[in-house]
């Protein structure tokens, strides 16, 4: 993946919220109608931590279970201008160890991303999209072809974490799997061995 010097250090995530787990589970919905208002940097920080953040600095355990602690998933954020805080429009990679973001490509790709996802226009309307991607070899190298199944299971774990954290923050999302894989991969400037699995638009739901 291309790199640049554009690094954003994210605020420290909260470890205790005001919405209970039971409430978040009960309220969780797949939403496809969003307002255009931006997220705060704190909200984006919380969502990324919930998805793949480190929960034990000594052991390097993460918020989602991973087969054999192989951690095959990568998170990419496709952000519009000022999509979270004062972030510039571009494509960002979540740096798990440093809880930060690196912008490696400038420009707003939300419309192109929506076009590649069967013209689901709400992908363009949200301030940002979190794309869950996988480097299968990390898990296949340990478990053989069975590892493909484990990678997909892990993507489900991460997706649900994003759903629940978004709900607890008063935000909404939906897991999108209908898109042209290679087109999205190229759009995100990913290496060929990294595959996009889910597009998760995040924003404030209309009517809330």
N, C-alpha and C. Protein backbone atom coordinates (compact mmCIF):
# COMPACT_ATOMS: atom_id res chain seq x y z
N UNK A 1 0.85 -1.19 0.00
CA UNK A 1 0.00 0.00 0.00
C UNK A 1 0.88 1.24 0.00
N UNK A 2 0.46 2.30 -0.72
CA UNK A 2 1.21 3.54 -0.73
C UNK A 2 1.23 4.14 0.66
N UNK A 3 2.26 4.90 0.94
CA UNK A 3 2.35 5.56 2.23
C UNK A 3 2.58 7.05 2.03
N UNK A 4 2.29 7.81 3.04
CA UNK A 4 2.55 9.24 3.02
C UNK A 4 2.86 9.66 4.44
N UNK A 5 3.15 10.92 4.62
CA UNK A 5 3.48 11.44 5.94
C UNK A 5 2.24 11.95 6.66
N UNK A 6 1.07 11.76 6.07
CA UNK A 6 -0.16 12.27 6.67
C UNK A 6 -0.64 11.31 7.76
N UNK A 7 -0.32 11.62 9.00
CA UNK A 7 -0.64 10.75 10.13
C UNK A 7 -1.53 11.49 11.10
N UNK A 8 -2.61 10.83 11.52
CA UNK A 8 -3.54 11.39 12.49
C UNK A 8 -3.54 10.49 13.72
N UNK A 9 -3.15 11.06 14.86
CA UNK A 9 -3.23 10.31 16.11
C UNK A 9 -4.64 10.46 16.66
N UNK A 10 -5.29 9.34 16.92
CA UNK A 10 -6.68 9.36 17.36
C UNK A 10 -6.78 9.55 18.87
N UNK A 11 -7.86 10.17 19.34
CA UNK A 11 -8.06 10.30 20.79
C UNK A 11 -8.14 8.93 21.46
N UNK A 12 -7.75 8.88 22.69
CA UNK A 12 -7.82 7.64 23.45
C UNK A 12 -9.28 7.18 23.56
N UNK A 13 -9.57 5.92 23.23
CA UNK A 13 -10.96 5.44 23.29
C UNK A 13 -11.44 5.28 24.73
N UNK A 14 -12.73 5.48 24.90
CA UNK A 14 -13.35 5.25 26.20
C UNK A 14 -13.49 3.75 26.44
N UNK A 15 -13.30 3.34 27.67
CA UNK A 15 -13.45 1.93 28.03
C UNK A 15 -14.74 1.65 28.79
N UNK A 16 -15.53 2.69 29.03
CA UNK A 16 -16.81 2.52 29.70
C UNK A 16 -17.78 3.57 29.16
N UNK A 17 -18.93 3.09 28.63
CA UNK A 17 -19.89 4.01 28.03
C UNK A 17 -21.15 4.16 28.86
N UNK A 18 -22.07 4.98 28.35
CA UNK A 18 -23.32 5.23 29.08
C UNK A 18 -24.45 4.32 28.59
N UNK A 19 -24.26 3.65 27.45
CA UNK A 19 -25.26 2.71 26.92
C UNK A 19 -24.79 1.29 27.23
N UNK A 20 -25.66 0.50 27.83
CA UNK A 20 -25.28 -0.86 28.19
C UNK A 20 -25.19 -1.74 26.95
N UNK A 21 -24.48 -2.85 27.06
CA UNK A 21 -24.38 -3.80 25.96
C UNK A 21 -25.77 -4.29 25.57
N UNK A 22 -26.60 -4.58 26.56
CA UNK A 22 -27.95 -5.08 26.28
C UNK A 22 -28.78 -4.05 25.51
N UNK A 23 -28.63 -2.78 25.87
CA UNK A 23 -29.35 -1.72 25.14
C UNK A 23 -28.86 -1.62 23.70
N UNK A 24 -27.55 -1.69 23.51
CA UNK A 24 -26.99 -1.59 22.16
C UNK A 24 -27.46 -2.75 21.29
N UNK A 25 -27.49 -3.96 21.86
CA UNK A 25 -27.97 -5.12 21.11
C UNK A 25 -29.44 -4.93 20.72
N UNK A 26 -30.22 -4.44 21.66
CA UNK A 26 -31.65 -4.26 21.41
C UNK A 26 -31.95 -3.18 20.38
N UNK A 27 -31.12 -2.17 20.30
CA UNK A 27 -31.35 -1.05 19.38
C UNK A 27 -30.70 -1.26 18.01
N UNK A 28 -29.79 -2.20 17.90
CA UNK A 28 -29.01 -2.35 16.67
C UNK A 28 -29.91 -2.62 15.47
N UNK A 29 -29.71 -1.84 14.41
CA UNK A 29 -30.44 -2.00 13.16
C UNK A 29 -29.49 -1.76 11.98
N UNK A 30 -29.83 -2.28 10.83
CA UNK A 30 -29.15 -1.94 9.59
C UNK A 30 -29.86 -0.74 8.98
N UNK A 31 -29.15 0.35 8.82
CA UNK A 31 -29.73 1.62 8.38
C UNK A 31 -29.17 2.00 7.02
N UNK A 32 -30.05 2.49 6.15
CA UNK A 32 -29.64 2.90 4.81
C UNK A 32 -30.08 4.32 4.47
N UNK A 33 -30.48 5.08 5.46
CA UNK A 33 -30.92 6.45 5.25
C UNK A 33 -30.22 7.34 6.28
N UNK A 34 -29.29 8.14 5.80
CA UNK A 34 -28.40 8.87 6.70
C UNK A 34 -28.48 10.37 6.50
N UNK A 35 -28.19 11.09 7.58
CA UNK A 35 -27.92 12.51 7.49
C UNK A 35 -26.48 12.69 7.00
N UNK A 36 -26.17 13.89 6.59
CA UNK A 36 -24.81 14.13 6.08
C UNK A 36 -23.85 14.69 7.09
N UNK A 37 -24.29 14.89 8.35
CA UNK A 37 -23.43 15.56 9.31
C UNK A 37 -22.20 14.73 9.65
N UNK A 38 -21.06 15.38 9.86
CA UNK A 38 -19.82 14.65 10.10
C UNK A 38 -19.78 13.98 11.47
N UNK A 39 -18.88 13.04 11.60
CA UNK A 39 -18.58 12.43 12.89
C UNK A 39 -17.55 13.30 13.61
N UNK A 40 -17.42 13.10 14.90
CA UNK A 40 -16.30 13.70 15.62
C UNK A 40 -15.12 12.73 15.53
N UNK A 41 -13.94 13.25 15.77
CA UNK A 41 -12.76 12.39 15.77
C UNK A 41 -12.84 11.38 16.91
N UNK A 42 -13.45 11.76 18.01
CA UNK A 42 -13.64 10.83 19.13
C UNK A 42 -14.53 9.66 18.72
N UNK A 43 -15.59 9.95 17.97
CA UNK A 43 -16.48 8.87 17.52
C UNK A 43 -15.75 7.91 16.58
N UNK A 44 -14.99 8.44 15.64
CA UNK A 44 -14.23 7.58 14.73
C UNK A 44 -13.21 6.76 15.50
N UNK A 45 -12.55 7.37 16.46
CA UNK A 45 -11.59 6.66 17.29
C UNK A 45 -12.25 5.48 17.99
N UNK A 46 -13.44 5.72 18.55
CA UNK A 46 -14.15 4.68 19.28
C UNK A 46 -14.56 3.53 18.36
N UNK A 47 -15.03 3.86 17.15
CA UNK A 47 -15.46 2.83 16.19
C UNK A 47 -14.29 1.96 15.76
N UNK A 48 -13.14 2.57 15.47
CA UNK A 48 -11.98 1.79 15.02
C UNK A 48 -11.42 0.95 16.15
N UNK A 49 -11.43 1.49 17.35
CA UNK A 49 -10.98 0.69 18.50
C UNK A 49 -11.90 -0.51 18.72
N UNK A 50 -13.22 -0.28 18.64
CA UNK A 50 -14.17 -1.38 18.82
C UNK A 50 -13.97 -2.46 17.76
N UNK A 51 -13.58 -2.05 16.58
CA UNK A 51 -13.40 -3.01 15.48
C UNK A 51 -12.12 -3.83 15.61
N UNK A 52 -11.01 -3.19 15.89
CA UNK A 52 -9.72 -3.89 15.89
C UNK A 52 -8.74 -3.36 16.91
N UNK A 53 -9.22 -2.61 17.89
CA UNK A 53 -8.32 -2.02 18.85
C UNK A 53 -7.68 -3.03 19.79
N UNK A 54 -6.59 -2.61 20.39
CA UNK A 54 -5.86 -3.45 21.34
C UNK A 54 -6.47 -3.29 22.73
N UNK A 55 -6.75 -4.41 23.38
CA UNK A 55 -7.38 -4.38 24.70
C UNK A 55 -6.41 -4.71 25.83
N UNK A 56 -5.24 -5.23 25.50
CA UNK A 56 -4.24 -5.60 26.50
C UNK A 56 -2.89 -5.29 25.90
N UNK A 57 -2.27 -4.20 26.35
CA UNK A 57 -1.03 -3.74 25.72
C UNK A 57 0.11 -4.74 25.86
N UNK A 58 0.07 -5.57 26.90
CA UNK A 58 1.14 -6.55 27.09
C UNK A 58 0.98 -7.73 26.13
N UNK A 59 -0.24 -8.24 26.02
CA UNK A 59 -0.51 -9.41 25.19
C UNK A 59 -0.87 -9.07 23.75
N UNK A 60 -1.20 -7.79 23.51
CA UNK A 60 -1.61 -7.34 22.18
C UNK A 60 -2.93 -7.98 21.72
N UNK A 61 -3.77 -8.39 22.67
CA UNK A 61 -5.08 -8.91 22.31
C UNK A 61 -5.94 -7.78 21.75
N UNK A 62 -6.89 -8.15 20.88
CA UNK A 62 -7.74 -7.16 20.23
C UNK A 62 -9.19 -7.32 20.64
N UNK A 63 -10.03 -6.41 20.18
CA UNK A 63 -11.43 -6.37 20.56
C UNK A 63 -12.26 -7.46 19.88
N UNK A 64 -11.75 -8.08 18.82
CA UNK A 64 -12.47 -9.15 18.13
C UNK A 64 -11.64 -10.42 18.12
N UNK A 65 -12.32 -11.55 18.33
CA UNK A 65 -11.63 -12.84 18.36
C UNK A 65 -11.02 -13.15 17.00
N UNK A 66 -9.82 -13.78 17.02
CA UNK A 66 -9.12 -14.13 15.79
C UNK A 66 -8.55 -15.53 15.93
N UNK A 67 -8.79 -16.39 14.95
CA UNK A 67 -8.29 -17.77 14.99
C UNK A 67 -6.78 -17.78 15.12
N UNK A 68 -6.30 -18.37 16.21
CA UNK A 68 -4.87 -18.48 16.42
C UNK A 68 -4.17 -17.14 16.56
N UNK A 69 -4.92 -16.09 16.87
CA UNK A 69 -4.36 -14.73 16.97
C UNK A 69 -3.56 -14.37 15.72
N UNK A 70 -4.09 -14.77 14.56
CA UNK A 70 -3.41 -14.47 13.29
C UNK A 70 -3.75 -13.10 12.74
N UNK A 71 -4.85 -12.52 13.16
CA UNK A 71 -5.26 -11.15 12.84
C UNK A 71 -5.09 -10.80 11.36
N UNK A 72 -5.92 -11.38 10.50
CA UNK A 72 -5.79 -11.15 9.06
C UNK A 72 -6.44 -9.86 8.56
N UNK A 73 -7.17 -9.16 9.41
CA UNK A 73 -7.99 -8.05 8.91
C UNK A 73 -7.27 -6.71 8.97
N UNK A 74 -7.58 -5.87 7.99
CA UNK A 74 -7.10 -4.50 7.92
C UNK A 74 -8.32 -3.59 7.75
N UNK A 75 -8.28 -2.41 8.35
CA UNK A 75 -9.36 -1.45 8.24
C UNK A 75 -8.92 -0.25 7.41
N UNK A 76 -9.76 0.09 6.44
CA UNK A 76 -9.52 1.25 5.58
C UNK A 76 -10.71 2.19 5.72
N UNK A 77 -10.45 3.48 5.82
CA UNK A 77 -11.51 4.48 5.96
C UNK A 77 -11.52 5.35 4.71
N UNK A 78 -12.66 5.38 4.02
CA UNK A 78 -12.87 6.27 2.88
C UNK A 78 -13.68 7.45 3.38
N UNK A 79 -13.04 8.61 3.46
CA UNK A 79 -13.59 9.76 4.17
C UNK A 79 -13.84 10.92 3.22
N UNK A 80 -14.98 11.60 3.38
CA UNK A 80 -15.23 12.84 2.68
C UNK A 80 -14.54 13.99 3.40
N UNK A 81 -14.56 15.17 2.79
CA UNK A 81 -13.94 16.34 3.42
C UNK A 81 -14.60 16.63 4.76
N UNK A 82 -13.77 16.73 5.80
CA UNK A 82 -14.25 16.97 7.17
C UNK A 82 -15.21 15.87 7.63
N UNK A 83 -15.02 14.65 7.14
CA UNK A 83 -15.90 13.54 7.50
C UNK A 83 -15.87 13.21 8.98
N UNK A 84 -14.72 13.43 9.60
CA UNK A 84 -14.58 13.29 11.05
C UNK A 84 -13.61 14.36 11.51
N UNK A 85 -14.09 15.26 12.35
CA UNK A 85 -13.24 16.38 12.74
C UNK A 85 -12.86 17.19 11.51
N UNK A 86 -11.60 17.48 11.37
CA UNK A 86 -11.09 18.25 10.23
C UNK A 86 -10.30 17.37 9.26
N UNK A 87 -10.63 16.09 9.22
CA UNK A 87 -9.92 15.18 8.32
C UNK A 87 -10.15 15.58 6.86
N UNK A 88 -9.09 15.54 6.09
CA UNK A 88 -9.21 15.83 4.67
C UNK A 88 -9.81 14.63 3.95
N UNK A 89 -10.48 14.91 2.83
CA UNK A 89 -11.02 13.81 2.02
C UNK A 89 -9.88 12.91 1.56
N UNK A 90 -10.09 11.61 1.70
CA UNK A 90 -9.04 10.69 1.29
C UNK A 90 -9.29 9.28 1.78
N UNK A 91 -8.30 8.43 1.55
CA UNK A 91 -8.34 7.04 1.98
C UNK A 91 -7.29 6.88 3.08
N UNK A 92 -7.72 6.31 4.18
CA UNK A 92 -6.87 6.19 5.36
C UNK A 92 -6.76 4.73 5.79
N UNK A 93 -5.64 4.39 6.34
CA UNK A 93 -5.44 3.05 6.91
C UNK A 93 -5.33 3.17 8.42
N UNK A 94 -6.02 2.28 9.13
CA UNK A 94 -5.96 2.28 10.59
C UNK A 94 -4.70 1.55 11.05
N UNK A 95 -3.88 2.26 11.81
CA UNK A 95 -2.66 1.67 12.39
C UNK A 95 -3.01 1.18 13.78
N UNK A 96 -3.14 -0.11 13.92
CA UNK A 96 -3.67 -0.69 15.15
C UNK A 96 -2.76 -0.45 16.34
N UNK A 97 -1.48 -0.71 16.17
CA UNK A 97 -0.55 -0.60 17.29
C UNK A 97 -0.48 0.82 17.84
N UNK A 98 -0.54 1.80 16.96
CA UNK A 98 -0.43 3.19 17.40
C UNK A 98 -1.75 3.91 17.53
N UNK A 99 -2.87 3.22 17.29
CA UNK A 99 -4.21 3.81 17.30
C UNK A 99 -4.19 5.15 16.57
N UNK A 100 -3.86 5.06 15.28
CA UNK A 100 -3.75 6.25 14.45
C UNK A 100 -4.19 5.92 13.03
N UNK A 101 -4.28 6.94 12.21
CA UNK A 101 -4.66 6.79 10.81
C UNK A 101 -3.58 7.39 9.92
N UNK A 102 -3.29 6.72 8.83
CA UNK A 102 -2.40 7.25 7.81
C UNK A 102 -3.18 7.51 6.54
N UNK A 103 -3.16 8.74 6.04
CA UNK A 103 -3.78 9.01 4.75
C UNK A 103 -2.78 8.68 3.66
N UNK A 104 -3.13 7.72 2.82
CA UNK A 104 -2.21 7.33 1.76
C UNK A 104 -2.71 7.69 0.37
N UNK A 105 -3.92 8.27 0.30
CA UNK A 105 -4.42 8.76 -0.98
C UNK A 105 -5.40 9.89 -0.71
N UNK A 106 -5.26 11.00 -1.42
CA UNK A 106 -6.14 12.14 -1.25
C UNK A 106 -7.30 12.07 -2.22
N UNK A 107 -8.41 12.68 -1.85
CA UNK A 107 -9.57 12.75 -2.71
C UNK A 107 -10.75 11.96 -2.17
N UNK A 108 -11.94 12.39 -2.56
CA UNK A 108 -13.18 11.78 -2.09
C UNK A 108 -13.63 10.69 -3.07
N UNK A 109 -13.62 9.43 -2.63
CA UNK A 109 -13.99 8.32 -3.51
C UNK A 109 -15.38 7.77 -3.18
N UNK A 110 -16.14 8.46 -2.35
CA UNK A 110 -17.42 7.90 -1.89
C UNK A 110 -18.39 7.63 -3.04
N UNK A 111 -18.47 8.53 -4.01
CA UNK A 111 -19.37 8.29 -5.12
C UNK A 111 -18.94 7.08 -5.93
N UNK A 112 -17.65 6.98 -6.21
CA UNK A 112 -17.13 5.82 -6.96
C UNK A 112 -17.34 4.53 -6.18
N UNK A 113 -17.20 4.61 -4.86
CA UNK A 113 -17.42 3.44 -4.02
C UNK A 113 -18.88 3.02 -4.08
N UNK A 114 -19.78 3.98 -4.04
CA UNK A 114 -21.22 3.68 -4.16
C UNK A 114 -21.52 3.05 -5.52
N UNK A 115 -20.93 3.57 -6.58
CA UNK A 115 -21.15 3.02 -7.92
C UNK A 115 -20.69 1.58 -8.02
N UNK A 116 -19.58 1.26 -7.34
CA UNK A 116 -19.04 -0.10 -7.38
C UNK A 116 -19.84 -1.05 -6.51
N UNK A 117 -20.69 -0.50 -5.65
CA UNK A 117 -21.51 -1.31 -4.74
C UNK A 117 -22.97 -1.26 -5.19
N UNK A 118 -23.19 -1.63 -6.44
CA UNK A 118 -24.54 -1.68 -7.04
C UNK A 118 -25.32 -0.39 -6.85
N UNK A 119 -24.60 0.74 -6.95
CA UNK A 119 -25.22 2.07 -6.88
C UNK A 119 -26.01 2.30 -5.60
N UNK A 120 -25.51 1.80 -4.49
CA UNK A 120 -26.14 2.06 -3.19
C UNK A 120 -25.70 3.46 -2.73
N UNK A 121 -26.53 4.45 -3.03
CA UNK A 121 -26.12 5.85 -2.96
C UNK A 121 -25.85 6.33 -1.54
N UNK A 122 -26.39 5.65 -0.54
CA UNK A 122 -26.14 6.10 0.83
C UNK A 122 -24.66 5.98 1.19
N UNK A 123 -23.89 5.17 0.45
CA UNK A 123 -22.45 5.08 0.66
C UNK A 123 -21.80 6.44 0.38
N UNK A 124 -22.37 7.17 -0.56
CA UNK A 124 -21.88 8.51 -0.88
C UNK A 124 -22.35 9.54 0.14
N UNK A 125 -23.52 9.31 0.74
CA UNK A 125 -24.13 10.31 1.60
C UNK A 125 -23.53 10.38 3.00
N UNK A 126 -22.98 9.27 3.47
CA UNK A 126 -22.41 9.26 4.82
C UNK A 126 -21.08 10.02 4.83
N UNK A 127 -20.66 10.51 6.00
CA UNK A 127 -19.38 11.22 6.06
C UNK A 127 -18.18 10.33 5.79
N UNK A 128 -18.30 9.04 6.14
CA UNK A 128 -17.19 8.13 5.90
C UNK A 128 -17.67 6.68 5.86
N UNK A 129 -16.86 5.84 5.25
CA UNK A 129 -17.11 4.40 5.18
C UNK A 129 -15.90 3.66 5.75
N UNK A 130 -16.17 2.68 6.60
CA UNK A 130 -15.12 1.80 7.08
C UNK A 130 -15.17 0.53 6.23
N UNK A 131 -14.05 0.18 5.62
CA UNK A 131 -13.98 -1.00 4.78
C UNK A 131 -13.13 -2.05 5.48
N UNK A 132 -13.74 -3.20 5.75
CA UNK A 132 -13.04 -4.32 6.38
C UNK A 132 -12.38 -5.15 5.28
N UNK A 133 -11.07 -5.28 5.34
CA UNK A 133 -10.30 -5.99 4.32
C UNK A 133 -9.52 -7.14 4.96
N UNK A 134 -9.10 -8.09 4.14
CA UNK A 134 -8.42 -9.27 4.67
C UNK A 134 -7.17 -9.62 3.89
N UNK A 135 -6.14 -9.97 4.62
CA UNK A 135 -4.94 -10.59 4.06
C UNK A 135 -5.00 -12.06 4.47
N UNK A 136 -5.60 -12.88 3.61
CA UNK A 136 -5.91 -14.27 3.94
C UNK A 136 -4.69 -15.08 4.36
N UNK A 137 -3.55 -14.79 3.78
CA UNK A 137 -2.38 -15.62 4.01
C UNK A 137 -1.97 -15.67 5.48
N UNK A 138 -2.28 -14.64 6.23
CA UNK A 138 -1.92 -14.66 7.65
C UNK A 138 -2.58 -15.83 8.38
N UNK A 139 -3.81 -16.15 7.99
CA UNK A 139 -4.53 -17.24 8.65
C UNK A 139 -4.37 -18.55 7.90
N UNK A 140 -4.37 -18.51 6.57
CA UNK A 140 -4.17 -19.73 5.77
C UNK A 140 -2.81 -20.33 6.05
N UNK A 141 -1.82 -19.48 6.30
CA UNK A 141 -0.48 -19.98 6.59
C UNK A 141 -0.43 -20.89 7.80
N UNK A 142 -1.38 -20.72 8.71
CA UNK A 142 -1.42 -21.55 9.92
C UNK A 142 -2.43 -22.68 9.81
N UNK A 143 -3.55 -22.43 9.13
CA UNK A 143 -4.65 -23.39 9.13
C UNK A 143 -4.98 -23.97 7.75
N UNK A 144 -4.20 -23.63 6.74
CA UNK A 144 -4.50 -24.13 5.40
C UNK A 144 -5.78 -23.52 4.88
N UNK A 145 -6.42 -24.21 3.94
CA UNK A 145 -7.62 -23.65 3.30
C UNK A 145 -8.77 -23.43 4.29
N UNK A 146 -8.75 -24.14 5.40
CA UNK A 146 -9.77 -23.91 6.44
C UNK A 146 -9.71 -22.48 6.96
N UNK A 147 -8.54 -21.88 6.83
CA UNK A 147 -8.35 -20.52 7.31
C UNK A 147 -9.24 -19.51 6.61
N UNK A 148 -9.67 -19.80 5.38
CA UNK A 148 -10.57 -18.88 4.68
C UNK A 148 -11.85 -18.72 5.47
N UNK A 149 -12.38 -19.82 5.98
CA UNK A 149 -13.59 -19.77 6.80
C UNK A 149 -13.35 -18.94 8.05
N UNK A 150 -12.20 -19.11 8.67
CA UNK A 150 -11.92 -18.38 9.90
C UNK A 150 -11.82 -16.88 9.65
N UNK A 151 -11.26 -16.49 8.51
CA UNK A 151 -11.18 -15.07 8.16
C UNK A 151 -12.57 -14.47 8.04
N UNK A 152 -13.47 -15.20 7.39
CA UNK A 152 -14.83 -14.69 7.21
C UNK A 152 -15.57 -14.61 8.55
N UNK A 153 -15.34 -15.58 9.42
CA UNK A 153 -15.92 -15.51 10.76
C UNK A 153 -15.45 -14.25 11.48
N UNK A 154 -14.15 -13.99 11.38
CA UNK A 154 -13.58 -12.83 12.07
C UNK A 154 -14.15 -11.52 11.53
N UNK A 155 -14.36 -11.46 10.22
CA UNK A 155 -14.96 -10.26 9.64
C UNK A 155 -16.35 -10.02 10.23
N UNK A 156 -17.09 -11.11 10.48
CA UNK A 156 -18.40 -10.99 11.12
C UNK A 156 -18.29 -10.45 12.54
N UNK A 157 -17.28 -10.92 13.28
CA UNK A 157 -17.07 -10.41 14.64
C UNK A 157 -16.84 -8.90 14.61
N UNK A 158 -15.96 -8.48 13.71
CA UNK A 158 -15.59 -7.06 13.63
C UNK A 158 -16.78 -6.22 13.19
N UNK A 159 -17.51 -6.71 12.22
CA UNK A 159 -18.70 -5.99 11.74
C UNK A 159 -19.70 -5.77 12.87
N UNK A 160 -19.95 -6.80 13.66
CA UNK A 160 -20.89 -6.66 14.77
C UNK A 160 -20.38 -5.68 15.82
N UNK A 161 -19.08 -5.67 16.06
CA UNK A 161 -18.53 -4.69 17.00
C UNK A 161 -18.79 -3.27 16.51
N UNK A 162 -18.62 -3.04 15.20
CA UNK A 162 -18.88 -1.72 14.64
C UNK A 162 -20.36 -1.37 14.78
N UNK A 163 -21.24 -2.32 14.49
CA UNK A 163 -22.68 -2.10 14.66
C UNK A 163 -22.99 -1.65 16.09
N UNK A 164 -22.50 -2.40 17.05
CA UNK A 164 -22.87 -2.13 18.44
C UNK A 164 -22.25 -0.84 18.95
N UNK A 165 -21.00 -0.57 18.55
CA UNK A 165 -20.38 0.67 18.99
C UNK A 165 -21.07 1.87 18.34
N UNK A 166 -21.42 1.76 17.07
CA UNK A 166 -22.14 2.84 16.41
C UNK A 166 -23.46 3.11 17.12
N UNK A 167 -24.18 2.05 17.46
CA UNK A 167 -25.46 2.20 18.16
C UNK A 167 -25.27 2.90 19.50
N UNK A 168 -24.24 2.50 20.25
CA UNK A 168 -23.98 3.10 21.55
C UNK A 168 -23.62 4.58 21.43
N UNK A 169 -23.07 4.98 20.29
CA UNK A 169 -22.67 6.37 20.08
C UNK A 169 -23.79 7.22 19.47
N UNK A 170 -24.95 6.60 19.24
CA UNK A 170 -26.05 7.33 18.61
C UNK A 170 -25.88 7.44 17.10
N UNK A 171 -25.06 6.57 16.53
CA UNK A 171 -24.82 6.52 15.10
C UNK A 171 -25.46 5.27 14.52
N UNK A 172 -25.29 5.07 13.23
CA UNK A 172 -25.87 3.90 12.57
C UNK A 172 -24.95 3.43 11.46
N UNK A 173 -25.15 2.18 11.04
CA UNK A 173 -24.35 1.61 9.97
C UNK A 173 -25.12 0.47 9.32
N UNK A 174 -24.53 -0.10 8.28
CA UNK A 174 -25.06 -1.31 7.63
C UNK A 174 -23.88 -2.02 6.98
N UNK A 175 -23.89 -3.34 7.05
CA UNK A 175 -22.81 -4.13 6.45
C UNK A 175 -23.15 -4.41 5.00
N UNK A 176 -22.31 -3.94 4.08
CA UNK A 176 -22.52 -4.09 2.65
C UNK A 176 -21.53 -5.11 2.09
N UNK A 177 -22.06 -6.18 1.51
CA UNK A 177 -21.21 -7.18 0.87
C UNK A 177 -21.38 -7.23 -0.63
N UNK A 178 -22.34 -6.47 -1.16
CA UNK A 178 -22.63 -6.48 -2.59
C UNK A 178 -21.82 -5.39 -3.28
N UNK A 179 -20.69 -5.76 -3.82
CA UNK A 179 -19.86 -4.82 -4.56
C UNK A 179 -18.90 -5.59 -5.47
N UNK A 180 -18.33 -4.89 -6.42
CA UNK A 180 -17.37 -5.47 -7.35
C UNK A 180 -16.00 -5.51 -6.66
N UNK A 181 -15.58 -6.71 -6.27
CA UNK A 181 -14.40 -6.87 -5.44
C UNK A 181 -13.16 -6.19 -6.01
N UNK A 182 -12.84 -6.50 -7.25
CA UNK A 182 -11.60 -6.00 -7.84
C UNK A 182 -11.67 -4.48 -8.04
N UNK A 183 -12.82 -4.00 -8.42
CA UNK A 183 -12.98 -2.56 -8.60
C UNK A 183 -12.78 -1.81 -7.29
N UNK A 184 -13.34 -2.33 -6.22
CA UNK A 184 -13.17 -1.70 -4.91
C UNK A 184 -11.73 -1.81 -4.44
N UNK A 185 -11.11 -2.96 -4.67
CA UNK A 185 -9.71 -3.12 -4.28
C UNK A 185 -8.83 -2.09 -4.97
N UNK A 186 -9.02 -1.93 -6.25
CA UNK A 186 -8.23 -0.95 -7.00
C UNK A 186 -8.53 0.47 -6.55
N UNK A 187 -9.78 0.75 -6.27
CA UNK A 187 -10.19 2.08 -5.82
C UNK A 187 -9.53 2.44 -4.49
N UNK A 188 -9.38 1.44 -3.63
CA UNK A 188 -8.76 1.65 -2.32
C UNK A 188 -7.24 1.58 -2.36
N UNK A 189 -6.69 1.34 -3.56
CA UNK A 189 -5.23 1.24 -3.75
C UNK A 189 -4.62 0.15 -2.88
N UNK A 190 -5.30 -0.99 -2.78
CA UNK A 190 -4.80 -2.10 -1.98
C UNK A 190 -3.91 -3.02 -2.82
N UNK A 191 -2.97 -3.66 -2.15
CA UNK A 191 -2.18 -4.68 -2.82
C UNK A 191 -3.10 -5.82 -3.26
N UNK A 192 -2.69 -6.58 -4.26
CA UNK A 192 -3.55 -7.62 -4.83
C UNK A 192 -3.91 -8.69 -3.82
N UNK A 193 -3.04 -8.93 -2.85
CA UNK A 193 -3.31 -9.99 -1.88
C UNK A 193 -4.28 -9.56 -0.78
N UNK A 194 -4.62 -8.27 -0.71
CA UNK A 194 -5.57 -7.78 0.29
C UNK A 194 -6.93 -7.61 -0.38
N UNK A 195 -7.96 -8.24 0.21
CA UNK A 195 -9.29 -8.26 -0.40
C UNK A 195 -10.31 -7.54 0.47
N UNK A 196 -11.11 -6.66 -0.10
CA UNK A 196 -12.20 -6.03 0.67
C UNK A 196 -13.33 -7.03 0.91
N UNK A 197 -13.87 -7.05 2.13
CA UNK A 197 -14.94 -7.98 2.49
C UNK A 197 -16.25 -7.28 2.81
N UNK A 198 -16.19 -6.18 3.51
CA UNK A 198 -17.38 -5.44 3.92
C UNK A 198 -17.14 -3.94 3.73
N UNK A 199 -18.14 -3.24 3.23
CA UNK A 199 -18.17 -1.78 3.29
C UNK A 199 -19.21 -1.42 4.35
N UNK A 200 -18.80 -0.60 5.32
CA UNK A 200 -19.70 -0.21 6.39
C UNK A 200 -19.82 1.31 6.45
N UNK A 201 -20.86 1.86 5.79
CA UNK A 201 -21.11 3.30 5.90
C UNK A 201 -21.50 3.65 7.33
N UNK A 202 -20.99 4.75 7.83
CA UNK A 202 -21.30 5.16 9.21
C UNK A 202 -21.73 6.61 9.23
N UNK A 203 -22.81 6.89 9.92
CA UNK A 203 -23.28 8.27 10.06
C UNK A 203 -24.47 8.34 10.99
N UNK A 204 -25.05 9.50 11.05
CA UNK A 204 -26.26 9.72 11.85
C UNK A 204 -27.46 9.34 11.02
N UNK A 205 -28.32 8.48 11.57
CA UNK A 205 -29.50 8.05 10.82
C UNK A 205 -30.50 9.19 10.68
N UNK A 206 -31.17 9.25 9.55
CA UNK A 206 -32.23 10.22 9.34
C UNK A 206 -33.38 9.95 10.31
N UNK A 207 -33.89 10.97 10.93
CA UNK A 207 -35.00 10.80 11.86
C UNK A 207 -34.57 10.64 13.29
N UNK A 208 -33.23 10.67 13.54
CA UNK A 208 -32.75 10.53 14.92
C UNK A 208 -31.97 11.76 15.33
